[in-house]
Structure formats: structure tokens, C-alpha cells
Amino acid sequence: GHAGGVSPFVLGPWLREELGVPVLIAGGIATGRQVLAALALGDGAYIGTRFIATLESEAPLEYKEALLRAAPEDIEYTPEVTGVPANFLKESLERFRQGGGKAWKEVYSAGHGVAFIRDIPSAKEVVARLVAEYQEAKRALP
């Protein structure tokens, strides 16, 4: 859920060129197609939000279910919770603003990849899907 003002399409390749170090691309990645795009920009993909909604995740069920309900417009970028700008689920921010939530317990960090979260499978299943989607997307390239 942490973000910045520079698009990963610019930041990743620029850092790689300027610093000469491996760069992971992050931000909204939840499908194999997005992993393929990330690998075109950097050296790897970092996937956060998608793995919160898995069986193995220790996140509360309420958090996982909130991810299932969420759409990209349900994400808010704000420094309000920790002082560092980050993305959070708006519904949990609203509770926090009304005095009904603890910052690290009930305010749910999440990225725009919520757009692709439709179930709560095992992490193994998520990885299998990512691999299959990646391979399909790679084959479909011209």
C-alpha cells in the first residue's frame, strides 16, 4: 500500500539505469500479465495486496473480505495514518477517522490490485494462477 508520486513505468527503469542495481517493480500487481509488464521494466515484481487475501495470510477475515469487496476507487492515498503516504481501504479509514480503529490493527493497507481479487485461495493457488497468466500473456505478445 505504500506509493509515491513517480509512476513505476518511469521509476523502475530510471533507478536501474542510474544506480545499476536490481529493481523490483511494485504497485497494483495482482495478475500474471502485470508480472510480465513488471519484468519488462525491472528485474522482478513485488506483489503485496494479492497475498493478503490468501488462506495462509494471518490478516483478519474481515480484512480479507474487505479486499474482496473493494474496487480501485476504494483505495485512498494518505499520510494520515502513519505520517508516511500510503494506500489504505477507505472503509477502514472512515472507521479510524471516527475514532473506531487502531492504526496498525484495523486500518487496512491495500493497493489498486484489489481490482483483481475475487476470492481467498491458497498462496500456492495464487502463484499457480500468476504463472499460468504470465505464460499466456507472454505467448500472446506479437
Protein backbone atom coordinates (compact mmCIF):
# COMPACT_ATOMS: atom_id res chain seq x y z
CA GLY A 1 0.00 0.00 0.00
CA HIS A 2 2.96 2.41 0.00
CA ALA A 3 3.27 4.54 -3.08
CA GLY A 4 4.88 7.65 -4.41
CA GLY A 5 4.45 10.36 -6.97
CA VAL A 6 6.52 8.75 -9.74
CA SER A 7 4.98 6.05 -11.93
CA PRO A 8 6.66 2.62 -11.73
CA PHE A 9 6.91 2.82 -15.54
CA VAL A 10 9.43 5.64 -15.03
CA LEU A 11 10.86 4.96 -11.59
CA GLY A 12 11.92 1.34 -12.11
CA PRO A 13 13.86 1.75 -15.35
CA TRP A 14 15.31 5.07 -14.19
CA LEU A 15 16.62 3.62 -10.91
CA ARG A 16 18.03 0.64 -12.76
CA GLU A 17 19.84 2.95 -15.20
CA GLU A 18 21.00 5.48 -12.60
CA LEU A 19 22.06 3.11 -9.84
CA GLY A 20 22.86 -0.05 -11.75
CA VAL A 21 21.18 -2.22 -9.14
CA PRO A 22 18.37 -4.77 -9.45
CA VAL A 23 14.94 -3.16 -9.16
CA LEU A 24 11.62 -4.75 -8.21
CA ILE A 25 8.54 -3.16 -9.72
CA ALA A 26 5.55 -2.83 -7.40
CA GLY A 27 2.15 -1.22 -7.30
CA GLY A 28 -1.14 -2.83 -8.23
CA ILE A 29 0.39 -6.11 -9.41
CA ALA A 30 -2.07 -8.97 -8.99
CA THR A 31 -2.05 -10.86 -12.30
CA GLY A 32 0.45 -12.69 -14.45
CA ARG A 33 0.05 -10.08 -17.20
CA GLN A 34 1.17 -7.44 -14.75
CA VAL A 35 4.15 -9.57 -13.70
CA LEU A 36 5.19 -9.75 -17.36
CA ALA A 37 4.95 -5.95 -17.65
CA ALA A 38 6.97 -5.53 -14.45
CA LEU A 39 9.72 -7.77 -15.83
CA ALA A 40 9.90 -5.56 -18.92
CA LEU A 41 10.57 -2.59 -16.61
CA GLY A 42 12.75 -4.11 -13.91
CA ASP A 43 14.25 -7.27 -12.52
CA GLY A 44 11.25 -8.64 -10.67
CA ALA A 45 7.74 -7.99 -9.44
CA TYR A 46 6.73 -7.31 -5.85
CA ILE A 47 3.17 -8.42 -5.09
CA GLY A 48 1.65 -7.28 -1.83
CA THR A 49 -2.11 -6.88 -1.58
CA ARG A 50 -2.96 -10.04 -3.55
CA PHE A 51 -1.27 -12.23 -0.95
CA ILE A 52 -3.18 -10.67 1.94
CA ALA A 53 -6.33 -12.36 0.61
CA THR A 54 -4.97 -15.91 0.88
CA LEU A 55 -5.71 -18.73 3.28
CA GLU A 56 -2.21 -18.58 4.77
CA SER A 57 -2.29 -14.85 5.46
CA GLU A 58 -2.67 -14.02 9.14
CA ALA A 59 -4.77 -10.96 8.27
CA PRO A 60 -8.20 -10.99 9.94
CA LEU A 61 -11.04 -12.44 7.85
CA GLU A 62 -12.73 -9.01 7.92
CA TYR A 63 -9.65 -7.54 6.16
CA LYS A 64 -9.65 -10.28 3.51
CA GLU A 65 -13.38 -9.83 2.90
CA ALA A 66 -12.92 -6.05 2.61
CA LEU A 67 -10.36 -6.71 -0.15
CA LEU A 68 -12.93 -8.86 -1.97
CA ARG A 69 -15.48 -6.03 -1.88
CA ALA A 70 -13.03 -3.30 -2.88
CA ALA A 71 -12.52 -1.66 -6.25
CA PRO A 72 -9.65 0.66 -7.22
CA GLU A 73 -11.68 3.74 -6.28
CA ASP A 74 -11.99 2.35 -2.73
CA ILE A 75 -8.29 2.97 -2.14
CA GLU A 76 -7.13 6.25 -0.62
CA TYR A 77 -3.55 7.56 -0.64
CA THR A 78 -2.86 9.48 2.57
CA PRO A 79 -0.14 10.21 5.16
CA GLU A 80 -2.89 10.44 7.81
CA VAL A 81 -2.35 7.05 9.47
CA THR A 82 1.42 6.82 9.91
CA GLY A 83 2.81 10.13 8.67
CA VAL A 84 4.11 8.36 5.54
CA PRO A 85 1.88 8.47 2.46
CA ALA A 86 0.40 5.05 1.76
CA ASN A 87 -2.69 3.43 0.25
CA PHE A 88 -5.49 2.25 2.52
CA LEU A 89 -9.01 0.86 2.14
CA LYS A 90 -11.36 3.83 2.52
CA GLU A 91 -13.89 1.91 4.63
CA SER A 92 -11.23 1.22 7.28
CA LEU A 93 -10.02 4.84 7.12
CA GLU A 94 -13.55 6.06 7.78
CA ARG A 95 -13.74 3.95 10.97
CA PHE A 96 -10.32 5.26 12.01
CA ARG A 97 -11.37 8.87 11.43
CA GLN A 98 -14.42 8.35 13.61
CA GLY A 99 -12.21 7.06 16.41
CA GLY A 100 -13.09 3.42 15.87
CA GLY A 101 -9.87 1.81 14.75
CA LYS A 102 -6.25 1.26 15.70
CA ALA A 103 -3.71 2.34 13.08
CA TRP A 104 -1.86 -0.95 12.61
CA LYS A 105 -4.70 -3.27 13.51
CA GLU A 106 -7.89 -2.01 11.92
CA VAL A 107 -6.77 0.40 9.19
CA TYR A 108 -6.20 -1.83 6.21
CA SER A 109 -3.35 -1.14 3.84
CA ALA A 110 -4.15 -2.11 0.26
CA GLY A 111 -3.20 -1.21 -3.28
CA HIS A 112 -5.12 -0.84 -6.51
CA GLY A 113 -4.56 -4.53 -7.26
CA VAL A 114 -7.80 -5.09 -5.32
CA ALA A 115 -9.38 -4.81 -8.77
CA PHE A 116 -8.33 -8.41 -9.43
CA ILE A 117 -9.07 -10.02 -6.05
CA ARG A 118 -12.19 -12.17 -6.37
CA ASP A 119 -11.57 -14.99 -3.92
CA ILE A 120 -9.45 -16.15 -0.99
CA PRO A 121 -7.42 -19.10 -2.32
CA SER A 122 -4.21 -20.63 -1.01
CA ALA A 123 -0.95 -18.81 -1.71
CA LYS A 124 0.03 -21.84 -3.80
CA GLU A 125 -3.05 -21.33 -5.97
CA VAL A 126 -2.29 -17.62 -6.39
CA VAL A 127 1.24 -18.47 -7.56
CA ALA A 128 -0.07 -21.14 -9.96
CA ARG A 129 -2.51 -18.61 -11.44
CA LEU A 130 0.20 -15.97 -11.75
CA VAL A 131 2.45 -18.42 -13.61
CA ALA A 132 -0.34 -19.52 -15.97
CA GLU A 133 -1.44 -15.93 -16.66
CA TYR A 134 2.18 -14.87 -17.19
CA GLN A 135 2.79 -17.66 -19.69
CA GLU A 136 -0.45 -16.91 -21.53
CA ALA A 137 0.36 -13.19 -21.71
CA LYS A 138 3.90 -13.89 -22.93
CA ARG A 139 2.60 -16.18 -25.71
CA ALA A 140 0.08 -13.53 -26.77
CA LEU A 141 2.74 -10.88 -27.36
CA PRO A 142 3.37 -10.02 -31.02
